[in-house]
Structures are given as C-alpha cells and as structure tokens.
ModelCIF file with pLDDT and N, C-alpha, C, O atoms, coordinates in Angstrom:
data_MODEL
#
_entry.id   MODEL 
#
_entity.id                         1 
_entity.type                       polymer 
_entity.pdbx_number_of_molecules   1 
#
_entity_poly.entity_id                      1 
_entity_poly.type                           'polypeptide(L)' 
_entity_poly.nstd_linkage                   no 
_entity_poly.nstd_monomer                   no 
_entity_poly.pdbx_seq_one_letter_code       AEELFKATEIIHSEVIGSNKGGLIVGFGHLRGF 
_entity_poly.pdbx_seq_one_letter_code_can   AEELFKATEIIHSEVIGSNKGGLIVGFGHLRGF 
_entity_poly.pdbx_strand_id                 A 
#
loop_
_entity_poly_seq.entity_id 
_entity_poly_seq.num 
_entity_poly_seq.mon_id 
_entity_poly_seq.hetero 
1 1  ALA n 
1 2  GLU n 
1 3  GLU n 
1 4  LEU n 
1 5  PHE n 
1 6  LYS n 
1 7  ALA n 
1 8  THR n 
1 9  GLU n 
1 10 ILE n 
1 11 ILE n 
1 12 HIS n 
1 13 SER n 
1 14 GLU n 
1 15 VAL n 
1 16 ILE n 
1 17 GLY n 
1 18 SER n 
1 19 ASN n 
1 20 LYS n 
1 21 GLY n 
1 22 GLY n 
1 23 LEU n 
1 24 ILE n 
1 25 VAL n 
1 26 GLY n 
1 27 PHE n 
1 28 GLY n 
1 29 HIS n 
1 30 LEU n 
1 31 ARG n 
1 32 GLY n 
1 33 PHE n 
#
_struct_asym.id          A 
_struct_asym.entity_id   1 
#
loop_
_ma_qa_metric.id 
_ma_qa_metric.mode 
_ma_qa_metric.name 
_ma_qa_metric.software_group_id 
_ma_qa_metric.type 
1 global pLDDT . pLDDT 
2 local  pLDDT . pLDDT 
#
_ma_qa_metric_global.metric_id      1 
_ma_qa_metric_global.metric_value   90.55 
_ma_qa_metric_global.model_id       1 
_ma_qa_metric_global.ordinal_id     1 
#
loop_
_ma_qa_metric_local.label_asym_id 
_ma_qa_metric_local.label_comp_id 
_ma_qa_metric_local.label_seq_id 
_ma_qa_metric_local.metric_id 
_ma_qa_metric_local.metric_value 
_ma_qa_metric_local.model_id 
_ma_qa_metric_local.ordinal_id 
A ALA 1  2 92.00 1 1  
A GLU 2  2 92.00 1 2  
A GLU 3  2 92.00 1 3  
A LEU 4  2 91.00 1 4  
A PHE 5  2 91.00 1 5  
A LYS 6  2 90.00 1 6  
A ALA 7  2 88.00 1 7  
A THR 8  2 85.00 1 8  
A GLU 9  2 88.00 1 9  
A ILE 10 2 91.00 1 10 
A ILE 11 2 91.00 1 11 
A HIS 12 2 93.00 1 12 
A SER 13 2 93.00 1 13 
A GLU 14 2 92.00 1 14 
A VAL 15 2 93.00 1 15 
A ILE 16 2 92.00 1 16 
A GLY 17 2 90.00 1 17 
A SER 18 2 86.00 1 18 
A ASN 19 2 86.00 1 19 
A LYS 20 2 82.00 1 20 
A GLY 21 2 85.00 1 21 
A GLY 22 2 88.00 1 22 
A LEU 23 2 91.00 1 23 
A ILE 24 2 92.00 1 24 
A VAL 25 2 94.00 1 25 
A GLY 26 2 93.00 1 26 
A PHE 27 2 93.00 1 27 
A GLY 28 2 90.00 1 28 
A HIS 29 2 90.00 1 29 
A LEU 30 2 92.00 1 30 
A ARG 31 2 93.00 1 31 
A GLY 32 2 94.00 1 32 
A PHE 33 2 95.00 1 33 
#
loop_
_atom_site.group_PDB 
_atom_site.id 
_atom_site.type_symbol 
_atom_site.label_atom_id 
_atom_site.label_alt_id 
_atom_site.label_comp_id 
_atom_site.label_asym_id 
_atom_site.label_entity_id 
_atom_site.label_seq_id 
_atom_site.pdbx_PDB_ins_code 
_atom_site.Cartn_x 
_atom_site.Cartn_y 
_atom_site.Cartn_z 
_atom_site.occupancy 
_atom_site.B_iso_or_equiv 
_atom_site.pdbx_formal_charge 
_atom_site.auth_seq_id 
_atom_site.auth_comp_id 
_atom_site.auth_asym_id 
_atom_site.auth_atom_id 
_atom_site.pdbx_PDB_model_num 
ATOM 1   N N  . ALA A 1 1  ? 108.811 35.446 -119.321 1.00 92.00 ? 1  ALA A N  1 
ATOM 2   C CA . ALA A 1 1  ? 109.810 36.272 -118.399 1.00 92.00 ? 1  ALA A CA 1 
ATOM 3   C C  . ALA A 1 1  ? 109.206 36.640 -117.337 1.00 92.00 ? 1  ALA A C  1 
ATOM 4   O O  . ALA A 1 1  ? 109.896 36.702 -116.320 1.00 92.00 ? 1  ALA A O  1 
ATOM 5   N N  . GLU A 1 2  ? 108.012 36.930 -117.261 1.00 92.00 ? 2  GLU A N  1 
ATOM 6   C CA . GLU A 1 2  ? 107.239 37.604 -115.706 1.00 92.00 ? 2  GLU A CA 1 
ATOM 7   C C  . GLU A 1 2  ? 107.130 36.321 -115.318 1.00 92.00 ? 2  GLU A C  1 
ATOM 8   O O  . GLU A 1 2  ? 107.794 36.125 -114.299 1.00 92.00 ? 2  GLU A O  1 
ATOM 9   N N  . GLU A 1 3  ? 106.637 35.485 -115.661 1.00 92.00 ? 3  GLU A N  1 
ATOM 10  C CA . GLU A 1 3  ? 106.305 34.407 -114.648 1.00 92.00 ? 3  GLU A CA 1 
ATOM 11  C C  . GLU A 1 3  ? 107.662 33.614 -114.141 1.00 92.00 ? 3  GLU A C  1 
ATOM 12  O O  . GLU A 1 3  ? 107.585 32.923 -113.126 1.00 92.00 ? 3  GLU A O  1 
ATOM 13  N N  . LEU A 1 4  ? 108.526 33.690 -114.642 1.00 91.00 ? 4  LEU A N  1 
ATOM 14  C CA . LEU A 1 4  ? 110.108 33.180 -114.123 1.00 91.00 ? 4  LEU A CA 1 
ATOM 15  C C  . LEU A 1 4  ? 110.870 34.285 -113.106 1.00 91.00 ? 4  LEU A C  1 
ATOM 16  O O  . LEU A 1 4  ? 111.767 33.946 -112.335 1.00 91.00 ? 4  LEU A O  1 
ATOM 17  N N  . PHE A 1 5  ? 110.409 35.544 -113.220 1.00 91.00 ? 5  PHE A N  1 
ATOM 18  C CA . PHE A 1 5  ? 110.438 36.460 -112.825 1.00 91.00 ? 5  PHE A CA 1 
ATOM 19  C C  . PHE A 1 5  ? 109.817 36.292 -111.189 1.00 91.00 ? 5  PHE A C  1 
ATOM 20  O O  . PHE A 1 5  ? 110.274 36.213 -110.048 1.00 91.00 ? 5  PHE A O  1 
ATOM 21  N N  . LYS A 1 6  ? 108.876 36.293 -111.671 1.00 90.00 ? 6  LYS A N  1 
ATOM 22  C CA . LYS A 1 6  ? 107.777 36.147 -110.156 1.00 90.00 ? 6  LYS A CA 1 
ATOM 23  C C  . LYS A 1 6  ? 108.427 34.881 -109.502 1.00 90.00 ? 6  LYS A C  1 
ATOM 24  O O  . LYS A 1 6  ? 109.229 35.082 -108.591 1.00 90.00 ? 6  LYS A O  1 
ATOM 25  N N  . ALA A 1 7  ? 108.208 33.848 -109.808 1.00 88.00 ? 7  ALA A N  1 
ATOM 26  C CA . ALA A 1 7  ? 108.974 32.470 -109.613 1.00 88.00 ? 7  ALA A CA 1 
ATOM 27  C C  . ALA A 1 7  ? 110.226 32.313 -108.796 1.00 88.00 ? 7  ALA A C  1 
ATOM 28  O O  . ALA A 1 7  ? 110.420 31.537 -107.860 1.00 88.00 ? 7  ALA A O  1 
ATOM 29  N N  . THR A 1 8  ? 110.986 33.140 -109.296 1.00 85.00 ? 8  THR A N  1 
ATOM 30  C CA . THR A 1 8  ? 112.699 33.189 -108.679 1.00 85.00 ? 8  THR A CA 1 
ATOM 31  C C  . THR A 1 8  ? 113.234 32.255 -109.352 1.00 85.00 ? 8  THR A C  1 
ATOM 32  O O  . THR A 1 8  ? 114.218 31.847 -108.734 1.00 85.00 ? 8  THR A O  1 
ATOM 33  N N  . GLU A 1 9  ? 113.045 31.576 -110.541 1.00 88.00 ? 9  GLU A N  1 
ATOM 34  C CA . GLU A 1 9  ? 113.627 30.376 -111.428 1.00 88.00 ? 9  GLU A CA 1 
ATOM 35  C C  . GLU A 1 9  ? 115.068 30.919 -111.811 1.00 88.00 ? 9  GLU A C  1 
ATOM 36  O O  . GLU A 1 9  ? 115.492 32.068 -111.934 1.00 88.00 ? 9  GLU A O  1 
ATOM 37  N N  . ILE A 1 10 ? 115.615 29.783 -111.942 1.00 91.00 ? 10 ILE A N  1 
ATOM 38  C CA . ILE A 1 10 ? 116.809 29.777 -112.594 1.00 91.00 ? 10 ILE A CA 1 
ATOM 39  C C  . ILE A 1 10 ? 116.751 29.077 -113.909 1.00 91.00 ? 10 ILE A C  1 
ATOM 40  O O  . ILE A 1 10 ? 116.272 27.951 -114.037 1.00 91.00 ? 10 ILE A O  1 
ATOM 41  N N  . ILE A 1 11 ? 117.434 30.033 -115.228 1.00 91.00 ? 11 ILE A N  1 
ATOM 42  C CA . ILE A 1 11 ? 117.261 29.457 -116.371 1.00 91.00 ? 11 ILE A CA 1 
ATOM 43  C C  . ILE A 1 11 ? 118.558 29.516 -116.953 1.00 91.00 ? 11 ILE A C  1 
ATOM 44  O O  . ILE A 1 11 ? 119.474 30.275 -116.635 1.00 91.00 ? 11 ILE A O  1 
ATOM 45  N N  . HIS A 1 12 ? 118.545 28.627 -117.850 1.00 93.00 ? 12 HIS A N  1 
ATOM 46  C CA . HIS A 1 12 ? 119.872 28.631 -118.731 1.00 93.00 ? 12 HIS A CA 1 
ATOM 47  C C  . HIS A 1 12 ? 119.390 29.228 -120.464 1.00 93.00 ? 12 HIS A C  1 
ATOM 48  O O  . HIS A 1 12 ? 118.443 28.931 -121.192 1.00 93.00 ? 12 HIS A O  1 
ATOM 49  N N  . SER A 1 13 ? 120.478 30.116 -120.615 1.00 93.00 ? 13 SER A N  1 
ATOM 50  C CA . SER A 1 13 ? 120.721 31.025 -121.528 1.00 93.00 ? 13 SER A CA 1 
ATOM 51  C C  . SER A 1 13 ? 122.083 31.187 -122.430 1.00 93.00 ? 13 SER A C  1 
ATOM 52  O O  . SER A 1 13 ? 123.224 31.249 -121.973 1.00 93.00 ? 13 SER A O  1 
ATOM 53  N N  . GLU A 1 14 ? 121.755 31.235 -123.635 1.00 92.00 ? 14 GLU A N  1 
ATOM 54  C CA . GLU A 1 14 ? 123.388 31.283 -124.270 1.00 92.00 ? 14 GLU A CA 1 
ATOM 55  C C  . GLU A 1 14 ? 123.422 32.860 -124.855 1.00 92.00 ? 14 GLU A C  1 
ATOM 56  O O  . GLU A 1 14 ? 122.610 33.584 -125.432 1.00 92.00 ? 14 GLU A O  1 
ATOM 57  N N  . VAL A 1 15 ? 124.948 33.004 -124.339 1.00 93.00 ? 15 VAL A N  1 
ATOM 58  C CA . VAL A 1 15 ? 125.268 34.033 -124.776 1.00 93.00 ? 15 VAL A CA 1 
ATOM 59  C C  . VAL A 1 15 ? 125.808 34.592 -126.282 1.00 93.00 ? 15 VAL A C  1 
ATOM 60  O O  . VAL A 1 15 ? 126.697 34.046 -126.936 1.00 93.00 ? 15 VAL A O  1 
ATOM 61  N N  . ILE A 1 16 ? 125.156 35.656 -126.626 1.00 92.00 ? 16 ILE A N  1 
ATOM 62  C CA . ILE A 1 16 ? 124.846 35.562 -128.316 1.00 92.00 ? 16 ILE A CA 1 
ATOM 63  C C  . ILE A 1 16 ? 125.434 37.063 -128.533 1.00 92.00 ? 16 ILE A C  1 
ATOM 64  O O  . ILE A 1 16 ? 125.170 37.743 -129.524 1.00 92.00 ? 16 ILE A O  1 
ATOM 65  N N  . GLY A 1 17 ? 126.149 37.421 -127.616 1.00 90.00 ? 17 GLY A N  1 
ATOM 66  C CA . GLY A 1 17 ? 126.998 38.654 -127.976 1.00 90.00 ? 17 GLY A CA 1 
ATOM 67  C C  . GLY A 1 17 ? 127.371 39.679 -126.740 1.00 90.00 ? 17 GLY A C  1 
ATOM 68  O O  . GLY A 1 17 ? 127.147 39.279 -125.598 1.00 90.00 ? 17 GLY A O  1 
ATOM 69  N N  . SER A 1 18 ? 127.824 40.739 -126.900 1.00 86.00 ? 18 SER A N  1 
ATOM 70  C CA . SER A 1 18 ? 128.482 41.524 -125.596 1.00 86.00 ? 18 SER A CA 1 
ATOM 71  C C  . SER A 1 18 ? 128.575 43.046 -126.294 1.00 86.00 ? 18 SER A C  1 
ATOM 72  O O  . SER A 1 18 ? 128.357 43.394 -127.455 1.00 86.00 ? 18 SER A O  1 
ATOM 73  N N  . ASN A 1 19 ? 129.066 43.955 -124.894 1.00 86.00 ? 19 ASN A N  1 
ATOM 74  C CA . ASN A 1 19 ? 129.062 45.301 -125.518 1.00 86.00 ? 19 ASN A CA 1 
ATOM 75  C C  . ASN A 1 19 ? 129.929 45.541 -124.093 1.00 86.00 ? 19 ASN A C  1 
ATOM 76  O O  . ASN A 1 19 ? 130.105 44.730 -123.183 1.00 86.00 ? 19 ASN A O  1 
ATOM 77  N N  . LYS A 1 20 ? 130.428 46.980 -124.212 1.00 82.00 ? 20 LYS A N  1 
ATOM 78  C CA . LYS A 1 20 ? 131.161 47.519 -122.954 1.00 82.00 ? 20 LYS A CA 1 
ATOM 79  C C  . LYS A 1 20 ? 130.467 47.154 -121.656 1.00 82.00 ? 20 LYS A C  1 
ATOM 80  O O  . LYS A 1 20 ? 131.005 47.007 -120.558 1.00 82.00 ? 20 LYS A O  1 
ATOM 81  N N  . GLY A 1 21 ? 129.150 47.030 -121.972 1.00 85.00 ? 21 GLY A N  1 
ATOM 82  C CA . GLY A 1 21 ? 128.480 46.795 -120.489 1.00 85.00 ? 21 GLY A CA 1 
ATOM 83  C C  . GLY A 1 21 ? 128.119 45.569 -120.049 1.00 85.00 ? 21 GLY A C  1 
ATOM 84  O O  . GLY A 1 21 ? 127.499 45.392 -119.000 1.00 85.00 ? 21 GLY A O  1 
ATOM 85  N N  . GLY A 1 22 ? 128.533 44.553 -120.919 1.00 88.00 ? 22 GLY A N  1 
ATOM 86  C CA . GLY A 1 22 ? 128.337 43.099 -120.252 1.00 88.00 ? 22 GLY A CA 1 
ATOM 87  C C  . GLY A 1 22 ? 127.793 42.443 -121.311 1.00 88.00 ? 22 GLY A C  1 
ATOM 88  O O  . GLY A 1 22 ? 127.946 43.005 -122.395 1.00 88.00 ? 22 GLY A O  1 
ATOM 89  N N  . LEU A 1 23 ? 127.067 41.180 -121.303 1.00 91.00 ? 23 LEU A N  1 
ATOM 90  C CA . LEU A 1 23 ? 126.666 40.342 -122.316 1.00 91.00 ? 23 LEU A CA 1 
ATOM 91  C C  . LEU A 1 23 ? 124.972 40.404 -122.758 1.00 91.00 ? 23 LEU A C  1 
ATOM 92  O O  . LEU A 1 23 ? 124.113 40.823 -121.983 1.00 91.00 ? 23 LEU A O  1 
ATOM 93  N N  . ILE A 1 24 ? 124.712 39.951 -124.013 1.00 92.00 ? 24 ILE A N  1 
ATOM 94  C CA . ILE A 1 24 ? 123.587 39.772 -124.438 1.00 92.00 ? 24 ILE A CA 1 
ATOM 95  C C  . ILE A 1 24 ? 123.140 38.564 -124.618 1.00 92.00 ? 24 ILE A C  1 
ATOM 96  O O  . ILE A 1 24 ? 123.639 37.976 -125.577 1.00 92.00 ? 24 ILE A O  1 
ATOM 97  N N  . VAL A 1 25 ? 122.427 38.049 -124.060 1.00 94.00 ? 25 VAL A N  1 
ATOM 98  C CA . VAL A 1 25 ? 121.701 36.666 -124.007 1.00 94.00 ? 25 VAL A CA 1 
ATOM 99  C C  . VAL A 1 25 ? 120.525 36.245 -124.781 1.00 94.00 ? 25 VAL A C  1 
ATOM 100 O O  . VAL A 1 25 ? 119.785 37.137 -125.196 1.00 94.00 ? 25 VAL A O  1 
ATOM 101 N N  . GLY A 1 26 ? 120.273 35.154 -125.008 1.00 93.00 ? 26 GLY A N  1 
ATOM 102 C CA . GLY A 1 26 ? 119.196 34.747 -126.062 1.00 93.00 ? 26 GLY A CA 1 
ATOM 103 C C  . GLY A 1 26 ? 117.742 34.469 -124.919 1.00 93.00 ? 26 GLY A C  1 
ATOM 104 O O  . GLY A 1 26 ? 117.954 33.891 -123.853 1.00 93.00 ? 26 GLY A O  1 
ATOM 105 N N  . PHE A 1 27 ? 116.490 34.885 -125.238 1.00 93.00 ? 27 PHE A N  1 
ATOM 106 C CA . PHE A 1 27 ? 115.712 34.559 -124.399 1.00 93.00 ? 27 PHE A CA 1 
ATOM 107 C C  . PHE A 1 27 ? 114.562 34.191 -125.261 1.00 93.00 ? 27 PHE A C  1 
ATOM 108 O O  . PHE A 1 27 ? 113.697 35.066 -125.280 1.00 93.00 ? 27 PHE A O  1 
ATOM 109 N N  . GLY A 1 28 ? 114.330 33.226 -125.922 1.00 90.00 ? 28 GLY A N  1 
ATOM 110 C CA . GLY A 1 28 ? 112.981 32.812 -127.193 1.00 90.00 ? 28 GLY A CA 1 
ATOM 111 C C  . GLY A 1 28 ? 113.213 33.866 -128.328 1.00 90.00 ? 28 GLY A C  1 
ATOM 112 O O  . GLY A 1 28 ? 114.072 33.581 -129.163 1.00 90.00 ? 28 GLY A O  1 
ATOM 113 N N  . HIS A 1 29 ? 112.609 34.932 -128.437 1.00 90.00 ? 29 HIS A N  1 
ATOM 114 C CA . HIS A 1 29 ? 112.625 35.716 -129.301 1.00 90.00 ? 29 HIS A CA 1 
ATOM 115 C C  . HIS A 1 29 ? 112.931 37.069 -128.844 1.00 90.00 ? 29 HIS A C  1 
ATOM 116 O O  . HIS A 1 29 ? 112.723 38.053 -129.553 1.00 90.00 ? 29 HIS A O  1 
ATOM 117 N N  . LEU A 1 30 ? 113.408 37.127 -127.701 1.00 92.00 ? 30 LEU A N  1 
ATOM 118 C CA . LEU A 1 30 ? 113.736 38.135 -126.887 1.00 92.00 ? 30 LEU A CA 1 
ATOM 119 C C  . LEU A 1 30 ? 115.277 38.132 -126.847 1.00 92.00 ? 30 LEU A C  1 
ATOM 120 O O  . LEU A 1 30 ? 115.948 37.142 -127.139 1.00 92.00 ? 30 LEU A O  1 
ATOM 121 N N  . ARG A 1 31 ? 115.899 39.588 -126.375 1.00 93.00 ? 31 ARG A N  1 
ATOM 122 C CA . ARG A 1 31 ? 117.040 39.681 -126.008 1.00 93.00 ? 31 ARG A CA 1 
ATOM 123 C C  . ARG A 1 31 ? 117.004 40.020 -124.475 1.00 93.00 ? 31 ARG A C  1 
ATOM 124 O O  . ARG A 1 31 ? 116.192 40.735 -123.887 1.00 93.00 ? 31 ARG A O  1 
ATOM 125 N N  . GLY A 1 32 ? 118.021 39.371 -123.997 1.00 94.00 ? 32 GLY A N  1 
ATOM 126 C CA . GLY A 1 32 ? 117.900 39.758 -122.378 1.00 94.00 ? 32 GLY A CA 1 
ATOM 127 C C  . GLY A 1 32 ? 119.915 40.111 -122.070 1.00 94.00 ? 32 GLY A C  1 
ATOM 128 O O  . GLY A 1 32 ? 120.989 39.665 -122.473 1.00 94.00 ? 32 GLY A O  1 
ATOM 129 N N  . PHE A 1 33 ? 119.366 41.252 -121.047 1.00 95.00 ? 33 PHE A N  1 
ATOM 130 C CA . PHE A 1 33 ? 121.014 41.671 -121.158 1.00 95.00 ? 33 PHE A CA 1 
ATOM 131 C C  . PHE A 1 33 ? 121.602 41.312 -119.685 1.00 95.00 ? 33 PHE A C  1 
ATOM 132 O O  . PHE A 1 33 ? 122.791 41.501 -119.432 1.00 95.00 ? 33 PHE A O  1 
#
C-alpha cells in the first residue's frame, strides 16, 4: 500500500461493505475505507 501510495498508481478494489460514512473495500488482507 505504501509503494502504491508513493507511486500514485490506480488500483482495482472490490466493495465488501459500507457504513454511514462511505465504503469498505478489500486490499489483500487489509480493509480500506
């Protein structure tokens, strides 16, 4: 994730959930918001 952040690359992530503030997406064994 840190490498992709520094490289400003675009990724494809599946939406696995949601809450009042937005979406939860999968990133390997992590969860992104």
